[in-house]
Amino acid sequence: MAVQSGVYRGVSAADRAAERRSRLLEATLSVWADPETRTTMTAVCAEAGLSERYFYESFAGLDEALTAVLDDVAREIESVRERAVAEAGDDPTARVHAAVTAFVQILVDDPRKGRVAIVEAGGMTQLRHRRTELLRHFAHLSAEVAGELLGERAGDPLQDEIAGLMFIGGMAELVTAWLDGALEATPTELVDAASRSFLGLYSPDG
């Protein structure tokens, strides 16, 4: 057996631990997003092909793994939004459209991320607080983005915060209906509707 602090087949112990953590996060995402599977540590370990020993190497418990997945999705949303806006040019409307497109594309590429972050997390008591924190964070971010993208077209800070809560809350319900199949809309239709909503909430002339 290789020593934990040593190198095995050219891979350090730290890198092996990081690779196992990545596998466990991917497995947690898959199990959590599957309505046919009960989200347990045993199910996550089976999906990852790792023992519980390695699970505890990375996480104190299941709730910590679920929170890590939730936070990873939130970071990805912020990252792709920033990149999309930076590449969209100077037109405020185009930049808003690019930001929303980037978010919707995440859901198209991997619907599991939207399902766990927006739908499933809200139904789990132990994660509801963290989900609420993230939604309010994105509402505040929306207000900041409005000022950054729309400049003088944006409203006063309080009204922008209110608009942010309305926008993010509405987006959460929109995505939930779409992921559940209750809303038949194309990704383009979602982007167009959400972009109009953002512009309408933050600028009188939309």
N, C-alpha and C. Protein backbone atom coordinates (compact mmCIF):
# COMPACT_ATOMS: atom_id res chain seq x y z
N MET A 1 0.85 -1.20 0.00
CA MET A 1 0.00 0.00 0.00
C MET A 1 0.88 1.25 0.00
N ALA A 2 0.57 2.20 -0.85
CA ALA A 2 1.36 3.41 -0.94
C ALA A 2 1.15 4.29 0.28
N VAL A 3 2.20 4.96 0.67
CA VAL A 3 2.09 5.90 1.78
C VAL A 3 1.27 7.11 1.32
N GLN A 4 0.33 7.54 2.16
CA GLN A 4 -0.58 8.61 1.78
C GLN A 4 0.14 9.90 1.40
N SER A 5 1.28 10.17 2.05
CA SER A 5 1.96 11.43 1.78
C SER A 5 2.93 11.34 0.62
N GLY A 6 3.07 10.14 0.03
CA GLY A 6 4.04 9.95 -1.02
C GLY A 6 3.47 10.08 -2.41
N VAL A 7 4.28 9.65 -3.38
CA VAL A 7 3.89 9.69 -4.78
C VAL A 7 3.66 8.27 -5.27
N TYR A 8 2.54 8.08 -5.95
CA TYR A 8 2.20 6.75 -6.46
C TYR A 8 1.96 6.85 -7.96
N ARG A 9 2.77 6.11 -8.73
CA ARG A 9 2.65 6.14 -10.19
C ARG A 9 2.71 7.56 -10.73
N GLY A 10 3.58 8.35 -10.14
CA GLY A 10 3.80 9.71 -10.63
C GLY A 10 2.77 10.72 -10.19
N VAL A 11 1.81 10.30 -9.36
CA VAL A 11 0.75 11.22 -8.90
C VAL A 11 0.87 11.40 -7.39
N SER A 12 0.91 12.64 -6.94
CA SER A 12 1.06 12.91 -5.52
C SER A 12 -0.21 12.56 -4.75
N ALA A 13 -0.06 12.37 -3.44
CA ALA A 13 -1.21 12.07 -2.59
C ALA A 13 -2.24 13.18 -2.66
N ALA A 14 -1.76 14.42 -2.69
CA ALA A 14 -2.69 15.56 -2.75
C ALA A 14 -3.48 15.54 -4.06
N ASP A 15 -2.82 15.22 -5.16
CA ASP A 15 -3.52 15.17 -6.44
C ASP A 15 -4.51 14.01 -6.48
N ARG A 16 -4.15 12.89 -5.88
CA ARG A 16 -5.09 11.76 -5.85
C ARG A 16 -6.32 12.11 -5.01
N ALA A 17 -6.09 12.79 -3.89
CA ALA A 17 -7.21 13.19 -3.04
C ALA A 17 -8.11 14.18 -3.78
N ALA A 18 -7.51 15.10 -4.52
CA ALA A 18 -8.29 16.08 -5.29
C ALA A 18 -9.11 15.39 -6.38
N GLU A 19 -8.52 14.38 -7.00
CA GLU A 19 -9.24 13.64 -8.05
C GLU A 19 -10.41 12.87 -7.46
N ARG A 20 -10.21 12.29 -6.27
CA ARG A 20 -11.31 11.58 -5.61
C ARG A 20 -12.42 12.55 -5.21
N ARG A 21 -12.04 13.72 -4.72
CA ARG A 21 -13.05 14.72 -4.35
C ARG A 21 -13.86 15.14 -5.57
N SER A 22 -13.18 15.33 -6.69
CA SER A 22 -13.87 15.69 -7.92
C SER A 22 -14.86 14.61 -8.34
N ARG A 23 -14.46 13.35 -8.23
CA ARG A 23 -15.36 12.24 -8.56
C ARG A 23 -16.56 12.20 -7.63
N LEU A 24 -16.32 12.48 -6.36
CA LEU A 24 -17.42 12.48 -5.40
C LEU A 24 -18.39 13.63 -5.64
N LEU A 25 -17.87 14.79 -6.03
CA LEU A 25 -18.75 15.91 -6.35
C LEU A 25 -19.60 15.61 -7.57
N GLU A 26 -18.99 15.03 -8.59
CA GLU A 26 -19.74 14.65 -9.79
C GLU A 26 -20.79 13.60 -9.46
N ALA A 27 -20.44 12.65 -8.61
CA ALA A 27 -21.40 11.62 -8.21
C ALA A 27 -22.54 12.22 -7.38
N THR A 28 -22.20 13.15 -6.50
CA THR A 28 -23.24 13.81 -5.70
C THR A 28 -24.22 14.55 -6.59
N LEU A 29 -23.70 15.24 -7.58
CA LEU A 29 -24.55 15.95 -8.54
C LEU A 29 -25.48 14.98 -9.25
N SER A 30 -24.95 13.87 -9.72
CA SER A 30 -25.75 12.89 -10.47
C SER A 30 -26.83 12.26 -9.61
N VAL A 31 -26.45 11.84 -8.41
CA VAL A 31 -27.42 11.18 -7.51
C VAL A 31 -28.49 12.16 -7.07
N TRP A 32 -28.08 13.35 -6.71
CA TRP A 32 -29.01 14.37 -6.21
C TRP A 32 -30.02 14.79 -7.28
N ALA A 33 -29.59 14.82 -8.52
CA ALA A 33 -30.47 15.27 -9.60
C ALA A 33 -31.40 14.17 -10.09
N ASP A 34 -31.17 12.94 -9.68
CA ASP A 34 -31.97 11.81 -10.16
C ASP A 34 -33.17 11.59 -9.24
N PRO A 35 -34.38 11.87 -9.71
CA PRO A 35 -35.56 11.71 -8.85
C PRO A 35 -35.85 10.26 -8.46
N GLU A 36 -35.23 9.34 -9.18
CA GLU A 36 -35.47 7.92 -8.90
C GLU A 36 -34.50 7.38 -7.84
N THR A 37 -33.53 8.17 -7.44
CA THR A 37 -32.51 7.71 -6.50
C THR A 37 -32.56 8.54 -5.22
N ARG A 38 -32.56 7.87 -4.08
CA ARG A 38 -32.51 8.57 -2.80
C ARG A 38 -31.10 9.09 -2.58
N THR A 39 -30.99 10.36 -2.22
CA THR A 39 -29.68 10.98 -2.06
C THR A 39 -29.09 10.60 -0.71
N THR A 40 -28.18 9.64 -0.72
CA THR A 40 -27.50 9.19 0.49
C THR A 40 -26.00 9.12 0.22
N MET A 41 -25.23 9.05 1.28
CA MET A 41 -23.79 8.90 1.13
C MET A 41 -23.46 7.59 0.44
N THR A 42 -24.21 6.54 0.78
CA THR A 42 -23.97 5.23 0.16
C THR A 42 -24.18 5.29 -1.34
N ALA A 43 -25.25 5.98 -1.77
CA ALA A 43 -25.53 6.10 -3.20
C ALA A 43 -24.45 6.91 -3.90
N VAL A 44 -23.98 7.96 -3.25
CA VAL A 44 -22.93 8.80 -3.83
C VAL A 44 -21.64 7.99 -3.99
N CYS A 45 -21.27 7.25 -2.95
CA CYS A 45 -20.05 6.44 -3.02
C CYS A 45 -20.14 5.39 -4.11
N ALA A 46 -21.32 4.76 -4.24
CA ALA A 46 -21.50 3.75 -5.27
C ALA A 46 -21.36 4.38 -6.66
N GLU A 47 -21.94 5.56 -6.84
CA GLU A 47 -21.86 6.25 -8.12
C GLU A 47 -20.42 6.63 -8.45
N ALA A 48 -19.66 7.03 -7.44
CA ALA A 48 -18.28 7.44 -7.64
C ALA A 48 -17.32 6.27 -7.73
N GLY A 49 -17.78 5.09 -7.26
CA GLY A 49 -16.89 3.94 -7.24
C GLY A 49 -15.82 4.05 -6.17
N LEU A 50 -16.18 4.70 -5.05
CA LEU A 50 -15.24 4.90 -3.95
C LEU A 50 -15.87 4.46 -2.64
N SER A 51 -15.05 4.12 -1.68
CA SER A 51 -15.55 3.69 -0.39
C SER A 51 -15.89 4.89 0.49
N GLU A 52 -16.62 4.63 1.58
CA GLU A 52 -16.98 5.69 2.52
C GLU A 52 -15.74 6.32 3.14
N ARG A 53 -14.68 5.55 3.26
CA ARG A 53 -13.42 6.09 3.78
C ARG A 53 -12.98 7.29 2.97
N TYR A 54 -13.07 7.19 1.65
CA TYR A 54 -12.65 8.29 0.81
C TYR A 54 -13.66 9.43 0.82
N PHE A 55 -14.92 9.10 1.05
CA PHE A 55 -15.91 10.17 1.18
C PHE A 55 -15.53 11.06 2.36
N TYR A 56 -15.21 10.44 3.50
CA TYR A 56 -14.87 11.22 4.69
C TYR A 56 -13.51 11.89 4.58
N GLU A 57 -12.72 11.47 3.62
CA GLU A 57 -11.47 12.17 3.35
C GLU A 57 -11.74 13.57 2.82
N SER A 58 -12.86 13.73 2.11
CA SER A 58 -13.19 15.00 1.47
C SER A 58 -14.27 15.79 2.18
N PHE A 59 -15.21 15.10 2.82
CA PHE A 59 -16.37 15.78 3.40
C PHE A 59 -16.69 15.25 4.79
N ALA A 60 -17.17 16.13 5.65
CA ALA A 60 -17.54 15.72 7.00
C ALA A 60 -18.83 14.90 7.00
N GLY A 61 -19.63 15.09 5.97
CA GLY A 61 -20.89 14.38 5.87
C GLY A 61 -21.58 14.72 4.56
N LEU A 62 -22.75 14.14 4.35
CA LEU A 62 -23.48 14.35 3.11
C LEU A 62 -23.86 15.80 2.90
N ASP A 63 -24.29 16.47 3.95
CA ASP A 63 -24.71 17.87 3.82
C ASP A 63 -23.58 18.75 3.30
N GLU A 64 -22.36 18.45 3.74
CA GLU A 64 -21.21 19.23 3.27
C GLU A 64 -20.96 19.00 1.79
N ALA A 65 -21.15 17.77 1.33
CA ALA A 65 -20.98 17.47 -0.10
C ALA A 65 -22.06 18.16 -0.93
N LEU A 66 -23.29 18.14 -0.44
CA LEU A 66 -24.38 18.80 -1.15
C LEU A 66 -24.15 20.31 -1.23
N THR A 67 -23.72 20.89 -0.13
CA THR A 67 -23.43 22.32 -0.12
C THR A 67 -22.30 22.66 -1.08
N ALA A 68 -21.30 21.80 -1.15
CA ALA A 68 -20.18 22.03 -2.06
C ALA A 68 -20.65 22.02 -3.50
N VAL A 69 -21.56 21.11 -3.84
CA VAL A 69 -22.11 21.07 -5.20
C VAL A 69 -22.89 22.35 -5.48
N LEU A 70 -23.70 22.76 -4.53
CA LEU A 70 -24.50 23.98 -4.68
C LEU A 70 -23.60 25.19 -4.90
N ASP A 71 -22.55 25.29 -4.12
CA ASP A 71 -21.62 26.42 -4.24
C ASP A 71 -20.85 26.37 -5.56
N ASP A 72 -20.50 25.17 -6.02
CA ASP A 72 -19.80 25.04 -7.30
C ASP A 72 -20.67 25.55 -8.44
N VAL A 73 -21.95 25.22 -8.41
CA VAL A 73 -22.86 25.68 -9.45
C VAL A 73 -22.95 27.21 -9.42
N ALA A 74 -23.05 27.76 -8.22
CA ALA A 74 -23.13 29.22 -8.09
C ALA A 74 -21.87 29.90 -8.64
N ARG A 75 -20.72 29.34 -8.33
CA ARG A 75 -19.47 29.91 -8.85
C ARG A 75 -19.40 29.82 -10.37
N GLU A 76 -19.88 28.71 -10.91
CA GLU A 76 -19.87 28.57 -12.37
C GLU A 76 -20.77 29.61 -13.02
N ILE A 77 -21.94 29.85 -12.44
CA ILE A 77 -22.86 30.84 -12.98
C ILE A 77 -22.19 32.22 -13.01
N GLU A 78 -21.55 32.59 -11.91
CA GLU A 78 -20.87 33.88 -11.87
C GLU A 78 -19.75 33.96 -12.89
N SER A 79 -19.00 32.89 -13.02
CA SER A 79 -17.85 32.87 -13.92
C SER A 79 -18.27 33.03 -15.38
N VAL A 80 -19.28 32.24 -15.79
CA VAL A 80 -19.69 32.31 -17.19
C VAL A 80 -20.39 33.63 -17.48
N ARG A 81 -21.07 34.19 -16.49
CA ARG A 81 -21.71 35.50 -16.67
C ARG A 81 -20.67 36.57 -16.91
N GLU A 82 -19.63 36.58 -16.10
CA GLU A 82 -18.59 37.59 -16.25
C GLU A 82 -17.90 37.48 -17.61
N ARG A 83 -17.63 36.24 -18.03
CA ARG A 83 -16.95 36.05 -19.32
C ARG A 83 -17.85 36.47 -20.47
N ALA A 84 -19.12 36.14 -20.40
CA ALA A 84 -20.05 36.48 -21.48
C ALA A 84 -20.21 37.98 -21.61
N VAL A 85 -20.33 38.67 -20.49
CA VAL A 85 -20.49 40.13 -20.51
C VAL A 85 -19.24 40.79 -21.08
N ALA A 86 -18.07 40.28 -20.69
CA ALA A 86 -16.82 40.86 -21.16
C ALA A 86 -16.67 40.72 -22.67
N GLU A 87 -17.25 39.66 -23.23
CA GLU A 87 -17.11 39.40 -24.67
C GLU A 87 -18.24 40.01 -25.50
N ALA A 88 -19.22 40.63 -24.83
CA ALA A 88 -20.42 41.08 -25.53
C ALA A 88 -20.32 42.48 -26.12
N GLY A 89 -19.24 43.20 -25.83
CA GLY A 89 -19.13 44.55 -26.36
C GLY A 89 -19.68 45.58 -25.39
N ASP A 90 -19.99 46.77 -25.90
CA ASP A 90 -20.37 47.89 -25.04
C ASP A 90 -21.88 48.13 -24.95
N ASP A 91 -22.66 47.56 -25.85
CA ASP A 91 -24.10 47.80 -25.83
C ASP A 91 -24.74 47.15 -24.62
N PRO A 92 -25.41 47.93 -23.75
CA PRO A 92 -25.98 47.38 -22.52
C PRO A 92 -26.98 46.25 -22.76
N THR A 93 -27.86 46.43 -23.75
CA THR A 93 -28.87 45.40 -24.03
C THR A 93 -28.21 44.10 -24.47
N ALA A 94 -27.18 44.21 -25.30
CA ALA A 94 -26.47 43.02 -25.77
C ALA A 94 -25.77 42.33 -24.61
N ARG A 95 -25.26 43.10 -23.67
CA ARG A 95 -24.55 42.52 -22.53
C ARG A 95 -25.51 41.81 -21.59
N VAL A 96 -26.68 42.38 -21.39
CA VAL A 96 -27.70 41.71 -20.58
C VAL A 96 -28.10 40.39 -21.24
N HIS A 97 -28.34 40.45 -22.54
CA HIS A 97 -28.73 39.26 -23.29
C HIS A 97 -27.64 38.19 -23.21
N ALA A 98 -26.40 38.60 -23.29
CA ALA A 98 -25.28 37.66 -23.22
C ALA A 98 -25.20 37.00 -21.84
N ALA A 99 -25.42 37.78 -20.79
CA ALA A 99 -25.37 37.24 -19.43
C ALA A 99 -26.45 36.20 -19.22
N VAL A 100 -27.66 36.50 -19.65
CA VAL A 100 -28.76 35.56 -19.48
C VAL A 100 -28.55 34.32 -20.34
N THR A 101 -28.05 34.52 -21.56
CA THR A 101 -27.77 33.40 -22.45
C THR A 101 -26.76 32.44 -21.82
N ALA A 102 -25.73 33.01 -21.20
CA ALA A 102 -24.71 32.18 -20.57
C ALA A 102 -25.30 31.33 -19.45
N PHE A 103 -26.19 31.92 -18.67
CA PHE A 103 -26.84 31.17 -17.58
C PHE A 103 -27.71 30.04 -18.14
N VAL A 104 -28.54 30.36 -19.10
CA VAL A 104 -29.44 29.35 -19.68
C VAL A 104 -28.64 28.23 -20.34
N GLN A 105 -27.50 28.58 -20.93
CA GLN A 105 -26.68 27.57 -21.59
C GLN A 105 -26.15 26.54 -20.59
N ILE A 106 -25.88 26.97 -19.37
CA ILE A 106 -25.47 26.02 -18.33
C ILE A 106 -26.55 24.98 -18.13
N LEU A 107 -27.79 25.41 -18.10
CA LEU A 107 -28.92 24.50 -17.88
C LEU A 107 -29.12 23.57 -19.08
N VAL A 108 -28.88 24.09 -20.27
CA VAL A 108 -29.00 23.29 -21.48
C VAL A 108 -27.90 22.23 -21.51
N ASP A 109 -26.68 22.64 -21.19
CA ASP A 109 -25.54 21.73 -21.23
C ASP A 109 -25.62 20.65 -20.15
N ASP A 110 -26.13 21.02 -18.99
CA ASP A 110 -26.21 20.07 -17.88
C ASP A 110 -27.41 20.42 -16.99
N PRO A 111 -28.61 19.91 -17.36
CA PRO A 111 -29.82 20.23 -16.59
C PRO A 111 -29.73 19.83 -15.13
N ARG A 112 -28.84 18.91 -14.80
CA ARG A 112 -28.70 18.50 -13.40
C ARG A 112 -28.36 19.69 -12.50
N LYS A 113 -27.57 20.61 -13.02
CA LYS A 113 -27.13 21.74 -12.20
C LYS A 113 -28.29 22.65 -11.83
N GLY A 114 -29.16 22.91 -12.78
CA GLY A 114 -30.34 23.70 -12.48
C GLY A 114 -31.28 22.98 -11.54
N ARG A 115 -31.41 21.67 -11.73
CA ARG A 115 -32.34 20.89 -10.90
C ARG A 115 -31.89 20.88 -9.44
N VAL A 116 -30.61 20.64 -9.18
CA VAL A 116 -30.19 20.56 -7.78
C VAL A 116 -30.15 21.95 -7.13
N ALA A 117 -29.68 22.95 -7.86
CA ALA A 117 -29.50 24.27 -7.27
C ALA A 117 -30.81 25.02 -7.08
N ILE A 118 -31.72 24.85 -8.02
CA ILE A 118 -32.94 25.65 -8.00
C ILE A 118 -34.15 24.86 -7.49
N VAL A 119 -34.23 23.58 -7.85
CA VAL A 119 -35.40 22.79 -7.49
C VAL A 119 -35.16 21.97 -6.22
N GLU A 120 -34.20 21.07 -6.24
CA GLU A 120 -34.01 20.11 -5.16
C GLU A 120 -33.55 20.76 -3.85
N ALA A 121 -32.65 21.73 -3.93
CA ALA A 121 -32.13 22.35 -2.71
C ALA A 121 -33.23 23.02 -1.90
N GLY A 122 -34.24 23.54 -2.58
CA GLY A 122 -35.34 24.20 -1.88
C GLY A 122 -36.20 23.24 -1.09
N GLY A 123 -36.14 21.96 -1.43
CA GLY A 123 -36.95 20.96 -0.74
C GLY A 123 -36.22 20.26 0.39
N MET A 124 -34.97 20.63 0.64
CA MET A 124 -34.19 19.98 1.69
C MET A 124 -33.96 20.97 2.82
N THR A 125 -34.51 20.67 3.99
CA THR A 125 -34.45 21.60 5.11
C THR A 125 -33.03 22.05 5.42
N GLN A 126 -32.09 21.12 5.37
CA GLN A 126 -30.71 21.44 5.75
C GLN A 126 -30.01 22.33 4.73
N LEU A 127 -30.57 22.44 3.52
CA LEU A 127 -29.94 23.26 2.48
C LEU A 127 -30.75 24.51 2.14
N ARG A 128 -31.95 24.59 2.68
CA ARG A 128 -32.82 25.71 2.32
C ARG A 128 -32.19 27.06 2.65
N HIS A 129 -31.52 27.14 3.80
CA HIS A 129 -30.90 28.40 4.20
C HIS A 129 -29.80 28.79 3.22
N ARG A 130 -28.96 27.82 2.84
CA ARG A 130 -27.88 28.13 1.90
C ARG A 130 -28.44 28.53 0.55
N ARG A 131 -29.49 27.85 0.09
CA ARG A 131 -30.12 28.21 -1.19
C ARG A 131 -30.64 29.64 -1.13
N THR A 132 -31.29 30.01 -0.02
CA THR A 132 -31.81 31.36 0.14
C THR A 132 -30.67 32.38 0.12
N GLU A 133 -29.56 32.06 0.81
CA GLU A 133 -28.40 32.96 0.79
C GLU A 133 -27.90 33.19 -0.63
N LEU A 134 -27.83 32.11 -1.40
CA LEU A 134 -27.32 32.24 -2.77
C LEU A 134 -28.28 33.03 -3.65
N LEU A 135 -29.58 32.80 -3.50
CA LEU A 135 -30.56 33.55 -4.28
C LEU A 135 -30.47 35.04 -3.96
N ARG A 136 -30.31 35.36 -2.69
CA ARG A 136 -30.20 36.77 -2.31
C ARG A 136 -28.87 37.36 -2.78
N HIS A 137 -27.84 36.53 -2.78
CA HIS A 137 -26.56 36.99 -3.32
C HIS A 137 -26.70 37.35 -4.79
N PHE A 138 -27.39 36.50 -5.54
CA PHE A 138 -27.56 36.78 -6.97
C PHE A 138 -28.51 37.94 -7.20
N ALA A 139 -29.46 38.15 -6.29
CA ALA A 139 -30.33 39.31 -6.40
C ALA A 139 -29.52 40.59 -6.21
N HIS A 140 -28.63 40.58 -5.21
CA HIS A 140 -27.75 41.74 -4.99
C HIS A 140 -26.81 41.92 -6.17
N LEU A 141 -26.30 40.81 -6.69
CA LEU A 141 -25.42 40.89 -7.86
C LEU A 141 -26.16 41.49 -9.05
N SER A 142 -27.43 41.12 -9.22
CA SER A 142 -28.22 41.67 -10.32
C SER A 142 -28.31 43.18 -10.21
N ALA A 143 -28.49 43.67 -8.98
CA ALA A 143 -28.56 45.12 -8.77
C ALA A 143 -27.24 45.78 -9.14
N GLU A 144 -26.13 45.14 -8.76
CA GLU A 144 -24.82 45.69 -9.11
C GLU A 144 -24.60 45.66 -10.62
N VAL A 145 -25.00 44.56 -11.23
CA VAL A 145 -24.83 44.41 -12.68
C VAL A 145 -25.67 45.46 -13.42
N ALA A 146 -26.86 45.73 -12.90
CA ALA A 146 -27.71 46.73 -13.54
C ALA A 146 -27.01 48.08 -13.57
N GLY A 147 -26.42 48.45 -12.45
CA GLY A 147 -25.70 49.72 -12.41
C GLY A 147 -24.50 49.72 -13.34
N GLU A 148 -23.83 48.58 -13.41
CA GLU A 148 -22.64 48.46 -14.25
C GLU A 148 -22.99 48.48 -15.74
N LEU A 149 -24.07 47.78 -16.11
CA LEU A 149 -24.42 47.65 -17.53
C LEU A 149 -25.29 48.78 -18.04
N LEU A 150 -26.18 49.27 -17.17
CA LEU A 150 -27.17 50.24 -17.63
C LEU A 150 -26.83 51.67 -17.25
N GLY A 151 -25.91 51.83 -16.30
CA GLY A 151 -25.49 53.17 -15.92
C GLY A 151 -26.65 54.01 -15.42
N GLU A 152 -26.83 55.17 -16.03
CA GLU A 152 -27.87 56.10 -15.57
C GLU A 152 -29.27 55.57 -15.80
N ARG A 153 -29.41 54.52 -16.62
CA ARG A 153 -30.74 53.96 -16.85
C ARG A 153 -31.23 53.18 -15.64
N ALA A 154 -30.31 52.75 -14.79
CA ALA A 154 -30.71 52.01 -13.60
C ALA A 154 -31.33 52.95 -12.57
N GLY A 155 -32.07 52.39 -11.63
CA GLY A 155 -32.75 53.20 -10.63
C GLY A 155 -31.90 53.45 -9.40
N ASP A 156 -32.53 53.83 -8.28
CA ASP A 156 -31.79 54.05 -7.05
C ASP A 156 -31.46 52.71 -6.40
N PRO A 157 -30.50 52.68 -5.48
CA PRO A 157 -30.03 51.41 -4.91
C PRO A 157 -31.12 50.55 -4.30
N LEU A 158 -32.03 51.14 -3.52
CA LEU A 158 -33.09 50.36 -2.90
C LEU A 158 -33.99 49.72 -3.94
N GLN A 159 -34.40 50.50 -4.91
CA GLN A 159 -35.28 49.97 -5.96
C GLN A 159 -34.56 48.89 -6.78
N ASP A 160 -33.25 49.06 -6.96
CA ASP A 160 -32.49 48.06 -7.70
C ASP A 160 -32.42 46.74 -6.92
N GLU A 161 -32.30 46.83 -5.58
CA GLU A 161 -32.29 45.61 -4.77
C GLU A 161 -33.64 44.91 -4.84
N ILE A 162 -34.71 45.69 -4.79
CA ILE A 162 -36.05 45.11 -4.90
C ILE A 162 -36.22 44.44 -6.26
N ALA A 163 -35.76 45.13 -7.31
CA ALA A 163 -35.85 44.56 -8.65
C ALA A 163 -35.04 43.27 -8.75
N GLY A 164 -33.87 43.24 -8.07
CA GLY A 164 -33.05 42.05 -8.10
C GLY A 164 -33.74 40.86 -7.49
N LEU A 165 -34.40 41.06 -6.37
CA LEU A 165 -35.15 39.97 -5.74
C LEU A 165 -36.28 39.50 -6.64
N MET A 166 -36.96 40.43 -7.27
CA MET A 166 -38.05 40.06 -8.18
C MET A 166 -37.52 39.29 -9.38
N PHE A 167 -36.40 39.74 -9.92
CA PHE A 167 -35.84 39.09 -11.10
C PHE A 167 -35.35 37.68 -10.79
N ILE A 168 -34.57 37.53 -9.73
CA ILE A 168 -34.02 36.21 -9.39
C ILE A 168 -35.12 35.26 -8.94
N GLY A 169 -36.08 35.77 -8.16
CA GLY A 169 -37.21 34.93 -7.75
C GLY A 169 -38.01 34.46 -8.95
N GLY A 170 -38.23 35.37 -9.89
CA GLY A 170 -38.96 35.01 -11.10
C GLY A 170 -38.19 34.01 -11.95
N MET A 171 -36.87 34.20 -12.05
CA MET A 171 -36.04 33.27 -12.81
C MET A 171 -36.08 31.88 -12.19
N ALA A 172 -36.05 31.82 -10.86
CA ALA A 172 -36.09 30.52 -10.19
C ALA A 172 -37.38 29.77 -10.51
N GLU A 173 -38.50 30.49 -10.49
CA GLU A 173 -39.79 29.86 -10.81
C GLU A 173 -39.86 29.48 -12.29
N LEU A 174 -39.32 30.33 -13.14
CA LEU A 174 -39.31 30.07 -14.58
C LEU A 174 -38.51 28.81 -14.88
N VAL A 175 -37.32 28.72 -14.32
CA VAL A 175 -36.46 27.57 -14.56
C VAL A 175 -37.06 26.30 -13.98
N THR A 176 -37.68 26.41 -12.81
CA THR A 176 -38.31 25.24 -12.20
C THR A 176 -39.41 24.69 -13.11
N ALA A 177 -40.26 25.56 -13.62
CA ALA A 177 -41.34 25.13 -14.52
C ALA A 177 -40.78 24.51 -15.80
N TRP A 178 -39.70 25.10 -16.30
CA TRP A 178 -39.08 24.61 -17.54
C TRP A 178 -38.44 23.23 -17.33
N LEU A 179 -37.69 23.08 -16.24
CA LEU A 179 -37.03 21.81 -15.96
C LEU A 179 -38.04 20.71 -15.65
N ASP A 180 -39.16 21.08 -15.04
CA ASP A 180 -40.20 20.10 -14.72
C ASP A 180 -41.05 19.72 -15.92
N GLY A 181 -40.87 20.43 -17.03
CA GLY A 181 -41.66 20.15 -18.22
C GLY A 181 -43.03 20.80 -18.21
N ALA A 182 -43.28 21.66 -17.21
CA ALA A 182 -44.58 22.35 -17.14
C ALA A 182 -44.64 23.52 -18.10
N LEU A 183 -43.48 23.98 -18.56
CA LEU A 183 -43.40 25.11 -19.48
C LEU A 183 -42.69 24.67 -20.74
N GLU A 184 -43.39 24.70 -21.85
CA GLU A 184 -42.79 24.33 -23.13
C GLU A 184 -42.26 25.59 -23.81
N ALA A 185 -40.97 25.77 -23.68
CA ALA A 185 -40.31 26.94 -24.27
C ALA A 185 -38.92 26.53 -24.71
N THR A 186 -38.43 27.18 -25.74
CA THR A 186 -37.07 26.93 -26.19
C THR A 186 -36.10 27.74 -25.34
N PRO A 187 -34.83 27.35 -25.30
CA PRO A 187 -33.85 28.16 -24.57
C PRO A 187 -33.83 29.61 -25.05
N THR A 188 -33.97 29.80 -26.35
CA THR A 188 -33.99 31.16 -26.90
C THR A 188 -35.16 31.96 -26.36
N GLU A 189 -36.32 31.33 -26.25
CA GLU A 189 -37.50 32.01 -25.71
C GLU A 189 -37.29 32.36 -24.23
N LEU A 190 -36.63 31.48 -23.49
CA LEU A 190 -36.33 31.79 -22.09
C LEU A 190 -35.39 32.99 -21.99
N VAL A 191 -34.36 32.99 -22.80
CA VAL A 191 -33.39 34.08 -22.79
C VAL A 191 -34.05 35.40 -23.14
N ASP A 192 -34.86 35.40 -24.20
CA ASP A 192 -35.51 36.64 -24.63
C ASP A 192 -36.45 37.18 -23.55
N ALA A 193 -37.23 36.28 -22.94
CA ALA A 193 -38.18 36.70 -21.91
C ALA A 193 -37.45 37.23 -20.68
N ALA A 194 -36.41 36.52 -20.25
CA ALA A 194 -35.66 36.94 -19.07
C ALA A 194 -34.92 38.26 -19.31
N SER A 195 -34.39 38.42 -20.49
CA SER A 195 -33.69 39.68 -20.81
C SER A 195 -34.65 40.86 -20.79
N ARG A 196 -35.83 40.67 -21.38
CA ARG A 196 -36.84 41.74 -21.35
C ARG A 196 -37.24 42.06 -19.92
N SER A 197 -37.37 41.02 -19.10
CA SER A 197 -37.75 41.23 -17.71
C SER A 197 -36.69 42.04 -16.97
N PHE A 198 -35.43 41.67 -17.17
CA PHE A 198 -34.33 42.38 -16.51
C PHE A 198 -34.33 43.85 -16.91
N LEU A 199 -34.40 44.10 -18.20
CA LEU A 199 -34.37 45.48 -18.69
C LEU A 199 -35.60 46.25 -18.23
N GLY A 200 -36.74 45.59 -18.20
CA GLY A 200 -37.95 46.26 -17.77
C GLY A 200 -37.93 46.61 -16.30
N LEU A 201 -37.35 45.73 -15.48
CA LEU A 201 -37.29 45.98 -14.04
C LEU A 201 -36.32 47.11 -13.70
N TYR A 202 -35.23 47.20 -14.45
CA TYR A 202 -34.16 48.12 -14.07
C TYR A 202 -34.13 49.43 -14.84
N SER A 203 -34.89 49.53 -15.92
CA SER A 203 -34.85 50.80 -16.66
C SER A 203 -36.25 51.15 -17.15
N PRO A 204 -36.68 52.37 -16.94
CA PRO A 204 -38.01 52.79 -17.33
C PRO A 204 -38.31 52.58 -18.80
N ASP A 205 -37.28 52.73 -19.66
CA ASP A 205 -37.55 52.60 -21.08
C ASP A 205 -37.32 51.18 -21.59
N GLY A 206 -36.97 50.19 -20.67
CA GLY A 206 -36.78 48.79 -21.04
C GLY A 206 -35.85 48.61 -22.16
